[in-house]
Amino acid sequence: SVKGRFTIYRDNAKNAVYLRMNSLKPEDTAVYYCAAASRGATNVA
């Protein structure tokens, strides 16, 4: 639903992750949550 419009990227020096959202639609309205894992994962979705 967000492919081609949203881009995720991280800055390890700042210990941060970002979400660039372009071409926003009303259906993108939501509370957005950041999440981080303490181990590897096969299904990051």
PDB file of all heavy atoms in Angstrom:
ATOM      1  N   SER A   1       0.809  -1.223   0.000  1.00  0.00           N
ATOM      2  CA  SER A   1       0.000   0.000   0.000  1.00  0.00           C
ATOM      3  C   SER A   1       0.843   1.276   0.000  1.00  0.00           C
ATOM      4  O   SER A   1       0.331   2.352  -0.319  1.00  0.00           O
ATOM      5  CB  SER A   1      -0.941   0.006   1.195  1.00  0.00           C
ATOM      6  OG  SER A   1      -0.202  -0.074   2.398  1.00  0.00           O
ATOM      7  N   VAL A   2       2.118   1.156   0.369  1.00  0.00           N
ATOM      8  CA  VAL A   2       2.963   2.359   0.440  1.00  0.00           C
ATOM      9  C   VAL A   2       4.151   2.299  -0.501  1.00  0.00           C
ATOM     10  O   VAL A   2       4.928   3.256  -0.583  1.00  0.00           O
ATOM     11  CB  VAL A   2       3.453   2.611   1.878  1.00  0.00           C
ATOM     12  CG1 VAL A   2       2.277   2.671   2.847  1.00  0.00           C
ATOM     13  CG2 VAL A   2       4.461   1.563   2.318  1.00  0.00           C
ATOM     14  N   LYS A   3       4.303   1.190  -1.205  1.00  0.00           N
ATOM     15  CA  LYS A   3       5.438   1.057  -2.130  1.00  0.00           C
ATOM     16  C   LYS A   3       5.445   2.185  -3.145  1.00  0.00           C
ATOM     17  O   LYS A   3       4.427   2.536  -3.719  1.00  0.00           O
ATOM     18  CB  LYS A   3       5.379  -0.289  -2.861  1.00  0.00           C
ATOM     19  CG  LYS A   3       6.082  -1.419  -2.131  1.00  0.00           C
ATOM     20  CD  LYS A   3       6.169  -2.667  -2.991  1.00  0.00           C
ATOM     21  CE  LYS A   3       7.040  -3.722  -2.357  1.00  0.00           C
ATOM     22  NZ  LYS A   3       6.496  -4.244  -1.112  1.00  0.00           N
ATOM     23  N   GLY A   4       6.631   2.729  -3.352  1.00  0.00           N
ATOM     24  CA  GLY A   4       6.766   3.817  -4.310  1.00  0.00           C
ATOM     25  C   GLY A   4       6.453   5.185  -3.725  1.00  0.00           C
ATOM     26  O   GLY A   4       6.716   6.212  -4.360  1.00  0.00           O
ATOM     27  N   ARG A   5       5.862   5.212  -2.539  1.00  0.00           N
ATOM     28  CA  ARG A   5       5.513   6.492  -1.897  1.00  0.00           C
ATOM     29  C   ARG A   5       6.279   6.723  -0.601  1.00  0.00           C
ATOM     30  O   ARG A   5       6.650   7.858  -0.299  1.00  0.00           O
ATOM     31  CB  ARG A   5       4.006   6.530  -1.606  1.00  0.00           C
ATOM     32  CG  ARG A   5       3.122   6.389  -2.831  1.00  0.00           C
ATOM     33  CD  ARG A   5       1.651   6.640  -2.493  1.00  0.00           C
ATOM     34  NE  ARG A   5       1.135   5.689  -1.519  1.00  0.00           N
ATOM     35  CZ  ARG A   5       0.607   6.034  -0.336  1.00  0.00           C
ATOM     36  NH1 ARG A   5       0.536   7.318   0.015  1.00  0.00           N
ATOM     37  NH2 ARG A   5       0.136   5.113   0.480  1.00  0.00           N
ATOM     38  N   PHE A   6       6.504   5.666   0.169  1.00  0.00           N
ATOM     39  CA  PHE A   6       7.184   5.789   1.455  1.00  0.00           C
ATOM     40  C   PHE A   6       8.584   5.182   1.347  1.00  0.00           C
ATOM     41  O   PHE A   6       8.782   4.151   0.693  1.00  0.00           O
ATOM     42  CB  PHE A   6       6.424   5.032   2.545  1.00  0.00           C
ATOM     43  CG  PHE A   6       5.103   5.633   2.942  1.00  0.00           C
ATOM     44  CD1 PHE A   6       4.502   6.641   2.205  1.00  0.00           C
ATOM     45  CD2 PHE A   6       4.438   5.158   4.063  1.00  0.00           C
ATOM     46  CE1 PHE A   6       3.283   7.179   2.571  1.00  0.00           C
ATOM     47  CE2 PHE A   6       3.214   5.684   4.453  1.00  0.00           C
ATOM     48  CZ  PHE A   6       2.630   6.691   3.707  1.00  0.00           C
ATOM     49  N   THR A   7       9.526   5.799   2.042  1.00  0.00           N
ATOM     50  CA  THR A   7      10.894   5.298   2.083  1.00  0.00           C
ATOM     51  C   THR A   7      11.374   5.262   3.523  1.00  0.00           C
ATOM     52  O   THR A   7      11.282   6.265   4.238  1.00  0.00           O
ATOM     53  CB  THR A   7      11.839   6.199   1.262  1.00  0.00           C
ATOM     54  OG1 THR A   7      11.369   6.284  -0.090  1.00  0.00           O
ATOM     55  CG2 THR A   7      13.252   5.646   1.274  1.00  0.00           C
ATOM     56  N   ILE A   8      11.893   4.125   3.935  1.00  0.00           N
ATOM     57  CA  ILE A   8      12.467   3.998   5.271  1.00  0.00           C
ATOM     58  C   ILE A   8      13.981   4.063   5.157  1.00  0.00           C
ATOM     59  O   ILE A   8      14.572   3.508   4.237  1.00  0.00           O
ATOM     60  CB  ILE A   8      12.014   2.692   5.962  1.00  0.00           C
ATOM     61  CG1 ILE A   8      12.502   2.653   7.405  1.00  0.00           C
ATOM     62  CG2 ILE A   8      12.458   1.461   5.177  1.00  0.00           C
ATOM     63  CD1 ILE A   8      11.924   1.494   8.220  1.00  0.00           C
ATOM     64  N   TYR A   9      14.596   4.753   6.097  1.00  0.00           N
ATOM     65  CA  TYR A   9      16.056   4.783   6.133  1.00  0.00           C
ATOM     66  C   TYR A   9      16.498   5.023   7.558  1.00  0.00           C
ATOM     67  O   TYR A   9      15.712   5.501   8.387  1.00  0.00           O
ATOM     68  CB  TYR A   9      16.627   5.843   5.186  1.00  0.00           C
ATOM     69  CG  TYR A   9      16.158   7.266   5.415  1.00  0.00           C
ATOM     70  CD1 TYR A   9      16.949   8.178   6.105  1.00  0.00           C
ATOM     71  CD2 TYR A   9      14.926   7.700   4.926  1.00  0.00           C
ATOM     72  CE1 TYR A   9      16.526   9.485   6.307  1.00  0.00           C
ATOM     73  CE2 TYR A   9      14.498   9.003   5.121  1.00  0.00           C
ATOM     74  CZ  TYR A   9      15.300   9.885   5.805  1.00  0.00           C
ATOM     75  OH  TYR A   9      14.869  11.193   6.015  1.00  0.00           O
ATOM     76  N   ARG A  10      17.751   4.675   7.822  1.00  0.00           N
ATOM     77  CA  ARG A  10      18.234   4.782   9.200  1.00  0.00           C
ATOM     78  C   ARG A  10      19.572   5.497   9.224  1.00  0.00           C
ATOM     79  O   ARG A  10      20.303   5.500   8.244  1.00  0.00           O
ATOM     80  CB  ARG A  10      18.324   3.396   9.843  1.00  0.00           C
ATOM     81  CG  ARG A  10      19.291   2.446   9.177  1.00  0.00           C
ATOM     82  CD  ARG A  10      18.979   0.999   9.550  1.00  0.00           C
ATOM     83  NE  ARG A  10      19.225   0.713  10.946  1.00  0.00           N
ATOM     84  CZ  ARG A  10      18.833  -0.415  11.548  1.00  0.00           C
ATOM     85  NH1 ARG A  10      18.166  -1.331  10.862  1.00  0.00           N
ATOM     86  NH2 ARG A  10      19.101  -0.624  12.826  1.00  0.00           N
ATOM     87  N   ASP A  11      19.878   6.088  10.356  1.00  0.00           N
ATOM     88  CA  ASP A  11      21.147   6.762  10.607  1.00  0.00           C
ATOM     89  C   ASP A  11      21.694   6.170  11.896  1.00  0.00           C
ATOM     90  O   ASP A  11      21.285   6.572  12.990  1.00  0.00           O
ATOM     91  CB  ASP A  11      20.939   8.271  10.714  1.00  0.00           C
ATOM     92  CG  ASP A  11      22.245   9.033  10.867  1.00  0.00           C
ATOM     93  OD1 ASP A  11      23.254   8.422  11.264  1.00  0.00           O
ATOM     94  OD2 ASP A  11      22.249  10.243  10.586  1.00  0.00           O
ATOM     95  N   ASN A  12      22.607   5.223  11.772  1.00  0.00           N
ATOM     96  CA  ASN A  12      23.123   4.549  12.963  1.00  0.00           C
ATOM     97  C   ASN A  12      23.931   5.492  13.846  1.00  0.00           C
ATOM     98  O   ASN A  12      23.982   5.303  15.063  1.00  0.00           O
ATOM     99  CB  ASN A  12      23.968   3.349  12.558  1.00  0.00           C
ATOM    100  CG  ASN A  12      23.131   2.214  12.017  1.00  0.00           C
ATOM    101  OD1 ASN A  12      21.938   2.119  12.292  1.00  0.00           O
ATOM    102  ND2 ASN A  12      23.755   1.356  11.229  1.00  0.00           N
ATOM    103  N   ALA A  13      24.538   6.476  13.262  1.00  0.00           N
ATOM    104  CA  ALA A  13      25.307   7.440  14.065  1.00  0.00           C
ATOM    105  C   ALA A  13      24.387   8.189  15.028  1.00  0.00           C
ATOM    106  O   ALA A  13      24.807   8.592  16.118  1.00  0.00           O
ATOM    107  CB  ALA A  13      26.037   8.415  13.155  1.00  0.00           C
ATOM    108  N   LYS A  14      23.138   8.370  14.601  1.00  0.00           N
ATOM    109  CA  LYS A  14      22.160   9.059  15.452  1.00  0.00           C
ATOM    110  C   LYS A  14      21.240   8.077  16.157  1.00  0.00           C
ATOM    111  O   LYS A  14      20.354   8.493  16.901  1.00  0.00           O
ATOM    112  CB  LYS A  14      21.332  10.030  14.608  1.00  0.00           C
ATOM    113  CG  LYS A  14      22.153  11.170  14.014  1.00  0.00           C
ATOM    114  CD  LYS A  14      21.272  12.134  13.245  1.00  0.00           C
ATOM    115  CE  LYS A  14      22.093  13.287  12.693  1.00  0.00           C
ATOM    116  NZ  LYS A  14      21.263  14.249  11.930  1.00  0.00           N
ATOM    117  N   ASN A  15      21.437   6.776  15.892  1.00  0.00           N
ATOM    118  CA  ASN A  15      20.588   5.753  16.489  1.00  0.00           C
ATOM    119  C   ASN A  15      19.119   6.050  16.193  1.00  0.00           C
ATOM    120  O   ASN A  15      18.260   6.070  17.089  1.00  0.00           O
ATOM    121  CB  ASN A  15      20.811   5.670  18.009  1.00  0.00           C
ATOM    122  CG  ASN A  15      20.492   4.302  18.558  1.00  0.00           C
ATOM    123  OD1 ASN A  15      20.462   3.299  17.844  1.00  0.00           O
ATOM    124  ND2 ASN A  15      20.232   4.242  19.858  1.00  0.00           N
ATOM    125  N   ALA A  16      18.855   6.305  14.920  1.00  0.00           N
ATOM    126  CA  ALA A  16      17.523   6.753  14.524  1.00  0.00           C
ATOM    127  C   ALA A  16      17.079   6.079  13.229  1.00  0.00           C
ATOM    128  O   ALA A  16      17.906   5.624  12.428  1.00  0.00           O
ATOM    129  CB  ALA A  16      17.501   8.268  14.352  1.00  0.00           C
ATOM    130  N   VAL A  17      15.770   6.026  13.063  1.00  0.00           N
ATOM    131  CA  VAL A  17      15.174   5.528  11.825  1.00  0.00           C
ATOM    132  C   VAL A  17      14.120   6.535  11.390  1.00  0.00           C
ATOM    133  O   VAL A  17      13.495   7.202  12.221  1.00  0.00           O
ATOM    134  CB  VAL A  17      14.573   4.120  12.009  1.00  0.00           C
ATOM    135  CG1 VAL A  17      13.418   4.131  12.993  1.00  0.00           C
ATOM    136  CG2 VAL A  17      14.167   3.515  10.685  1.00  0.00           C
ATOM    137  N   TYR A  18      13.949   6.658  10.079  1.00  0.00           N
ATOM    138  CA  TYR A  18      13.070   7.671   9.526  1.00  0.00           C
ATOM    139  C   TYR A  18      12.096   7.041   8.530  1.00  0.00           C
ATOM    140  O   TYR A  18      12.371   5.990   7.961  1.00  0.00           O
ATOM    141  CB  TYR A  18      13.893   8.745   8.817  1.00  0.00           C
ATOM    142  CG  TYR A  18      14.954   9.369   9.688  1.00  0.00           C
ATOM    143  CD1 TYR A  18      16.228   8.806   9.762  1.00  0.00           C
ATOM    144  CD2 TYR A  18      14.687  10.502  10.453  1.00  0.00           C
ATOM    145  CE1 TYR A  18      17.204   9.350  10.573  1.00  0.00           C
ATOM    146  CE2 TYR A  18      15.663  11.061  11.261  1.00  0.00           C
ATOM    147  CZ  TYR A  18      16.911  10.483  11.319  1.00  0.00           C
ATOM    148  OH  TYR A  18      17.882  11.035  12.128  1.00  0.00           O
ATOM    149  N   LEU A  19      11.001   7.729   8.314  1.00  0.00           N
ATOM    150  CA  LEU A  19      10.037   7.302   7.304  1.00  0.00           C
ATOM    151  C   LEU A  19       9.645   8.527   6.489  1.00  0.00           C
ATOM    152  O   LEU A  19       8.965   9.422   6.989  1.00  0.00           O
ATOM    153  CB  LEU A  19       8.800   6.674   7.942  1.00  0.00           C
ATOM    154  CG  LEU A  19       7.794   6.083   6.956  1.00  0.00           C
ATOM    155  CD1 LEU A  19       8.377   4.832   6.274  1.00  0.00           C
ATOM    156  CD2 LEU A  19       6.483   5.724   7.660  1.00  0.00           C
ATOM    157  N   ARG A  20      10.114   8.561   5.262  1.00  0.00           N
ATOM    158  CA  ARG A  20       9.758   9.646   4.370  1.00  0.00           C
ATOM    159  C   ARG A  20       8.480   9.243   3.631  1.00  0.00           C
ATOM    160  O   ARG A  20       8.444   8.207   2.971  1.00  0.00           O
ATOM    161  CB  ARG A  20      10.884   9.906   3.367  1.00  0.00           C
ATOM    162  CG  ARG A  20      10.544  10.943   2.289  1.00  0.00           C
ATOM    163  CD  ARG A  20      10.329  12.324   2.862  1.00  0.00           C
ATOM    164  NE  ARG A  20      10.026  13.318   1.838  1.00  0.00           N
ATOM    165  CZ  ARG A  20       9.708  14.581   2.093  1.00  0.00           C
ATOM    166  NH1 ARG A  20       9.625  15.008   3.355  1.00  0.00           N
ATOM    167  NH2 ARG A  20       9.471  15.412   1.101  1.00  0.00           N
ATOM    168  N   MET A  21       7.453  10.062   3.752  1.00  0.00           N
ATOM    169  CA  MET A  21       6.152   9.745   3.181  1.00  0.00           C
ATOM    170  C   MET A  21       5.788  10.799   2.135  1.00  0.00           C
ATOM    171  O   MET A  21       5.635  11.971   2.486  1.00  0.00           O
ATOM    172  CB  MET A  21       5.089   9.691   4.279  1.00  0.00           C
ATOM    173  CG  MET A  21       5.435   8.736   5.408  1.00  0.00           C
ATOM    174  SD  MET A  21       4.123   8.565   6.629  1.00  0.00           S
ATOM    175  CE  MET A  21       4.114  10.213   7.332  1.00  0.00           C
ATOM    176  N   ASN A  22       5.665  10.369   0.905  1.00  0.00           N
ATOM    177  CA  ASN A  22       5.276  11.253  -0.192  1.00  0.00           C
ATOM    178  C   ASN A  22       3.908  10.840  -0.731  1.00  0.00           C
ATOM    179  O   ASN A  22       3.432   9.735  -0.476  1.00  0.00           O
ATOM    180  CB  ASN A  22       6.301  11.181  -1.325  1.00  0.00           C
ATOM    181  CG  ASN A  22       7.658  11.714  -0.939  1.00  0.00           C
ATOM    182  OD1 ASN A  22       7.773  12.642  -0.136  1.00  0.00           O
ATOM    183  ND2 ASN A  22       8.705  11.133  -1.507  1.00  0.00           N
ATOM    184  N   SER A  23       3.303  11.746  -1.489  1.00  0.00           N
ATOM    185  CA  SER A  23       2.012  11.461  -2.138  1.00  0.00           C
ATOM    186  C   SER A  23       1.009  10.889  -1.149  1.00  0.00           C
ATOM    187  O   SER A  23       0.352   9.868  -1.420  1.00  0.00           O
ATOM    188  CB  SER A  23       2.219  10.497  -3.310  1.00  0.00           C
ATOM    189  OG  SER A  23       3.148  11.019  -4.238  1.00  0.00           O
ATOM    190  N   LEU A  24       0.888  11.533  -0.027  1.00  0.00           N
ATOM    191  CA  LEU A  24       0.022  11.028   1.035  1.00  0.00           C
ATOM    192  C   LEU A  24      -1.444  11.031   0.617  1.00  0.00           C
ATOM    193  O   LEU A  24      -1.903  11.915  -0.126  1.00  0.00           O
ATOM    194  CB  LEU A  24       0.224  11.842   2.309  1.00  0.00           C
ATOM    195  CG  LEU A  24       1.501  11.481   3.084  1.00  0.00           C
ATOM    196  CD1 LEU A  24       1.901  12.591   4.032  1.00  0.00           C
ATOM    197  CD2 LEU A  24       1.308  10.167   3.825  1.00  0.00           C
ATOM    198  N   LYS A  25      -2.162  10.027   1.102  1.00  0.00           N
ATOM    199  CA  LYS A  25      -3.576   9.844   0.804  1.00  0.00           C
ATOM    200  C   LYS A  25      -4.371   9.841   2.103  1.00  0.00           C
ATOM    201  O   LYS A  25      -3.814   9.520   3.165  1.00  0.00           O
ATOM    202  CB  LYS A  25      -3.790   8.510   0.098  1.00  0.00           C
ATOM    203  CG  LYS A  25      -2.953   8.311  -1.154  1.00  0.00           C
ATOM    204  CD  LYS A  25      -3.142   6.899  -1.693  1.00  0.00           C
ATOM    205  CE  LYS A  25      -2.289   6.658  -2.938  1.00  0.00           C
ATOM    206  NZ  LYS A  25      -2.464   5.273  -3.451  1.00  0.00           N
ATOM    207  N   PRO A  26      -5.653  10.144   2.051  1.00  0.00           N
ATOM    208  CA  PRO A  26      -6.464  10.095   3.281  1.00  0.00           C
ATOM    209  C   PRO A  26      -6.390   8.746   3.981  1.00  0.00           C
ATOM    210  O   PRO A  26      -6.427   8.686   5.220  1.00  0.00           O
ATOM    211  CB  PRO A  26      -7.875  10.394   2.776  1.00  0.00           C
ATOM    212  CG  PRO A  26      -7.650  11.261   1.575  1.00  0.00           C
ATOM    213  CD  PRO A  26      -6.409  10.700   0.928  1.00  0.00           C
ATOM    214  N   GLU A  27      -6.255   7.669   3.228  1.00  0.00           N
ATOM    215  CA  GLU A  27      -6.184   6.346   3.848  1.00  0.00           C
ATOM    216  C   GLU A  27      -4.862   6.101   4.569  1.00  0.00           C
ATOM    217  O   GLU A  27      -4.701   5.077   5.235  1.00  0.00           O
ATOM    218  CB  GLU A  27      -6.418   5.239   2.807  1.00  0.00           C
ATOM    219  CG  GLU A  27      -5.574   5.351   1.558  1.00  0.00           C
ATOM    220  CD  GLU A  27      -6.309   6.049   0.422  1.00  0.00           C
ATOM    221  OE1 GLU A  27      -6.980   7.084   0.676  1.00  0.00           O
ATOM    222  OE2 GLU A  27      -6.197   5.561  -0.727  1.00  0.00           O
ATOM    223  N   ASP A  28      -3.916   7.015   4.472  1.00  0.00           N
ATOM    224  CA  ASP A  28      -2.685   6.918   5.255  1.00  0.00           C
ATOM    225  C   ASP A  28      -2.866   7.480   6.666  1.00  0.00           C
ATOM    226  O   ASP A  28      -1.951   7.381   7.493  1.00  0.00           O
ATOM    227  CB  ASP A  28      -1.545   7.677   4.561  1.00  0.00           C
ATOM    228  CG  ASP A  28      -1.155   7.067   3.229  1.00  0.00           C
ATOM    229  OD1 ASP A  28      -1.093   5.817   3.143  1.00  0.00           O
ATOM    230  OD2 ASP A  28      -0.920   7.830   2.274  1.00  0.00           O
ATOM    231  N   THR A  29      -4.013   8.066   6.929  1.00  0.00           N
ATOM    232  CA  THR A  29      -4.283   8.620   8.255  1.00  0.00           C
ATOM    233  C   THR A  29      -4.252   7.525   9.308  1.00  0.00           C
ATOM    234  O   THR A  29      -4.954   6.515   9.193  1.00  0.00           O
ATOM    235  CB  THR A  29      -5.648   9.322   8.271  1.00  0.00           C
ATOM    236  OG1 THR A  29      -5.603  10.459   7.395  1.00  0.00           O
ATOM    237  CG2 THR A  29      -6.007   9.787   9.679  1.00  0.00           C
ATOM    238  N   ALA A  30      -3.410   7.720  10.314  1.00  0.00           N
ATOM    239  CA  ALA A  30      -3.239   6.708  11.361  1.00  0.00           C
ATOM    240  C   ALA A  30      -2.259   7.233  12.404  1.00  0.00           C
ATOM    241  O   ALA A  30      -1.613   8.261  12.200  1.00  0.00           O
ATOM    242  CB  ALA A  30      -2.706   5.403  10.770  1.00  0.00           C
ATOM    243  N   VAL A  31      -2.161   6.490  13.489  1.00  0.00           N
ATOM    244  CA  VAL A  31      -1.053   6.691  14.427  1.00  0.00           C
ATOM    245  C   VAL A  31       0.086   5.802  13.953  1.00  0.00           C
ATOM    246  O   VAL A  31      -0.113   4.603  13.736  1.00  0.00           O
ATOM    247  CB  VAL A  31      -1.457   6.337  15.863  1.00  0.00           C
ATOM    248  CG1 VAL A  31      -0.257   6.489  16.797  1.00  0.00           C
ATOM    249  CG2 VAL A  31      -2.615   7.215  16.327  1.00  0.00           C
ATOM    250  N   TYR A  32       1.243   6.389  13.790  1.00  0.00           N
ATOM    251  CA  TYR A  32       2.409   5.669  13.298  1.00  0.00           C
ATOM    252  C   TYR A  32       3.337   5.356  14.464  1.00  0.00           C
ATOM    253  O   TYR A  32       3.682   6.248  15.256  1.00  0.00           O
ATOM    254  CB  TYR A  32       3.131   6.502  12.247  1.00  0.00           C
ATOM    255  CG  TYR A  32       2.432   6.480  10.917  1.00  0.00           C
ATOM    256  CD1 TYR A  32       1.215   7.133  10.739  1.00  0.00           C
ATOM    257  CD2 TYR A  32       2.959   5.776   9.832  1.00  0.00           C
ATOM    258  CE1 TYR A  32       0.550   7.100   9.525  1.00  0.00           C
ATOM    259  CE2 TYR A  32       2.305   5.737   8.613  1.00  0.00           C
ATOM    260  CZ  TYR A  32       1.105   6.401   8.465  1.00  0.00           C
ATOM    261  OH  TYR A  32       0.437   6.356   7.262  1.00  0.00           O
ATOM    262  N   TYR A  33       3.761   4.091  14.528  1.00  0.00           N
ATOM    263  CA  TYR A  33       4.606   3.609  15.609  1.00  0.00           C
ATOM    264  C   TYR A  33       5.954   3.142  15.068  1.00  0.00           C
ATOM    265  O   TYR A  33       6.009   2.413  14.076  1.00  0.00           O
ATOM    266  CB  TYR A  33       3.938   2.442  16.337  1.00  0.00           C
ATOM    267  CG  TYR A  33       2.652   2.804  17.022  1.00  0.00           C
ATOM    268  CD1 TYR A  33       1.434   2.659  16.365  1.00  0.00           C
ATOM    269  CD2 TYR A  33       2.649   3.278  18.331  1.00  0.00           C
ATOM    270  CE1 TYR A  33       0.236   2.993  16.993  1.00  0.00           C
ATOM    271  CE2 TYR A  33       1.463   3.608  18.968  1.00  0.00           C
ATOM    272  CZ  TYR A  33       0.264   3.466  18.291  1.00  0.00           C
ATOM    273  OH  TYR A  33      -0.912   3.790  18.917  1.00  0.00           O
ATOM    274  N   CYS A  34       6.990   3.514  15.764  1.00  0.00           N
ATOM    275  CA  CYS A  34       8.328   3.027  15.490  1.00  0.00           C
ATOM    276  C   CYS A  34       8.554   1.765  16.321  1.00  0.00           C
ATOM    277  O   CYS A  34       8.051   1.660  17.455  1.00  0.00           O
ATOM    278  CB  CYS A  34       9.323   4.120  15.880  1.00  0.00           C
ATOM    279  SG  CYS A  34      11.045   3.638  15.871  1.00  0.00           S
ATOM    280  N   ALA A  35       9.309   0.816  15.773  1.00  0.00           N
ATOM    281  CA  ALA A  35       9.596  -0.420  16.483  1.00  0.00           C
ATOM    282  C   ALA A  35      11.038  -0.834  16.225  1.00  0.00           C
ATOM    283  O   ALA A  35      11.579  -0.581  15.151  1.00  0.00           O
ATOM    284  CB  ALA A  35       8.648  -1.526  16.036  1.00  0.00           C
ATOM    285  N   ALA A  36      11.626  -1.509  17.218  1.00  0.00           N
ATOM    286  CA  ALA A  36      13.009  -1.970  17.093  1.00  0.00           C
ATOM    287  C   ALA A  36      13.135  -3.360  17.694  1.00  0.00           C
ATOM    288  O   ALA A  36      12.483  -3.678  18.690  1.00  0.00           O
ATOM    289  CB  ALA A  36      13.956  -0.995  17.787  1.00  0.00           C
ATOM    290  N   ALA A  37      13.974  -4.162  17.067  1.00  0.00           N
ATOM    291  CA  ALA A  37      14.177  -5.538  17.515  1.00  0.00           C
ATOM    292  C   ALA A  37      15.524  -5.687  18.199  1.00  0.00           C
ATOM    293  O   ALA A  37      16.483  -4.972  17.880  1.00  0.00           O
ATOM    294  CB  ALA A  37      14.094  -6.487  16.331  1.00  0.00           C
ATOM    295  N   SER A  38      15.608  -6.635  19.106  1.00  0.00           N
ATOM    296  CA  SER A  38      16.868  -6.909  19.800  1.00  0.00           C
ATOM    297  C   SER A  38      17.514  -8.195  19.293  1.00  0.00           C
ATOM    298  O   SER A  38      18.453  -8.718  19.902  1.00  0.00           O
ATOM    299  CB  SER A  38      16.634  -6.988  21.304  1.00  0.00           C
ATOM    300  OG  SER A  38      15.740  -8.039  21.600  1.00  0.00           O
ATOM    301  N   ARG A  39      16.999  -8.723  18.175  1.00  0.00           N
ATOM    302  CA  ARG A  39      17.518  -9.956  17.590  1.00  0.00           C
ATOM    303  C   ARG A  39      17.156  -9.950  16.114  1.00  0.00           C
ATOM    304  O   ARG A  39      16.328  -9.144  15.670  1.00  0.00           O
ATOM    305  CB  ARG A  39      16.890 -11.166  18.276  1.00  0.00           C
ATOM    306  CG  ARG A  39      15.385 -11.218  18.116  1.00  0.00           C
ATOM    307  CD  ARG A  39      14.718 -12.082  19.162  1.00  0.00           C
ATOM    308  NE  ARG A  39      13.287 -12.215  18.932  1.00  0.00           N
ATOM    309  CZ  ARG A  39      12.384 -11.287  19.205  1.00  0.00           C
ATOM    310  NH1 ARG A  39      12.774 -10.139  19.702  1.00  0.00           N
ATOM    311  NH2 ARG A  39      11.102 -11.490  18.975  1.00  0.00           N
ATOM    312  N   GLY A  40      17.736 -10.850  15.362  1.00  0.00           N
ATOM    313  CA  GLY A  40      17.396 -10.952  13.958  1.00  0.00           C
ATOM    314  C   GLY A  40      15.982 -11.485  13.781  1.00  0.00           C
ATOM    315  O   GLY A  40      15.425 -12.090  14.687  1.00  0.00           O
ATOM    316  N   ALA A  41      15.412 -11.251  12.617  1.00  0.00           N
ATOM    317  CA  ALA A  41      14.046 -11.692  12.354  1.00  0.00           C
ATOM    318  C   ALA A  41      13.909 -12.104  10.896  1.00  0.00           C
ATOM    319  O   ALA A  41      14.498 -11.490  10.007  1.00  0.00           O
ATOM    320  CB  ALA A  41      13.053 -10.590  12.679  1.00  0.00           C
ATOM    321  N   THR A  42      13.127 -13.158  10.672  1.00  0.00           N
ATOM    322  CA  THR A  42      12.881 -13.576   9.297  1.00  0.00           C
ATOM    323  C   THR A  42      11.689 -12.845   8.701  1.00  0.00           C
ATOM    324  O   THR A  42      11.615 -12.648   7.496  1.00  0.00           O
ATOM    325  CB  THR A  42      12.626 -15.088   9.233  1.00  0.00           C
ATOM    326  OG1 THR A  42      11.573 -15.416  10.132  1.00  0.00           O
ATOM    327  CG2 THR A  42      13.883 -15.853   9.639  1.00  0.00           C
ATOM    328  N   ASN A  43      10.765 -12.448   9.536  1.00  0.00           N
ATOM    329  CA  ASN A  43       9.577 -11.755   9.058  1.00  0.00           C
ATOM    330  C   ASN A  43       9.477 -10.394   9.732  1.00  0.00           C
ATOM    331  O   ASN A  43       8.870 -10.246  10.786  1.00  0.00           O
ATOM    332  CB  ASN A  43       8.318 -12.569   9.331  1.00  0.00           C
ATOM    333  CG  ASN A  43       7.070 -11.887   8.803  1.00  0.00           C
ATOM    334  OD1 ASN A  43       7.151 -10.895   8.082  1.00  0.00           O
ATOM    335  ND2 ASN A  43       5.909 -12.400   9.166  1.00  0.00           N
ATOM    336  N   VAL A  44      10.063  -9.394   9.126  1.00  0.00           N
ATOM    337  CA  VAL A  44      10.080  -8.062   9.735  1.00  0.00           C
ATOM    338  C   VAL A  44       8.745  -7.356   9.596  1.00  0.00           C
ATOM    339  O   VAL A  44       8.565  -6.262  10.145  1.00  0.00           O
ATOM    340  CB  VAL A  44      11.193  -7.193   9.131  1.00  0.00           C
ATOM    341  CG1 VAL A  44      12.557  -7.765   9.471  1.00  0.00           C
ATOM    342  CG2 VAL A  44      11.018  -7.044   7.619  1.00  0.00           C
ATOM    343  N   ALA A  45       7.815  -7.962   8.878  1.00  0.00           N
ATOM    344  CA  ALA A  45       6.483  -7.380   8.749  1.00  0.00           C
ATOM    345  C   ALA A  45       5.564  -7.763   9.904  1.00  0.00           C
ATOM    346  O   ALA A  45       4.449  -7.239  10.015  1.00  0.00           O
ATOM    347  CB  ALA A  45       5.848  -7.802   7.430  1.00  0.00           C
TER     348      ALA A  45
END
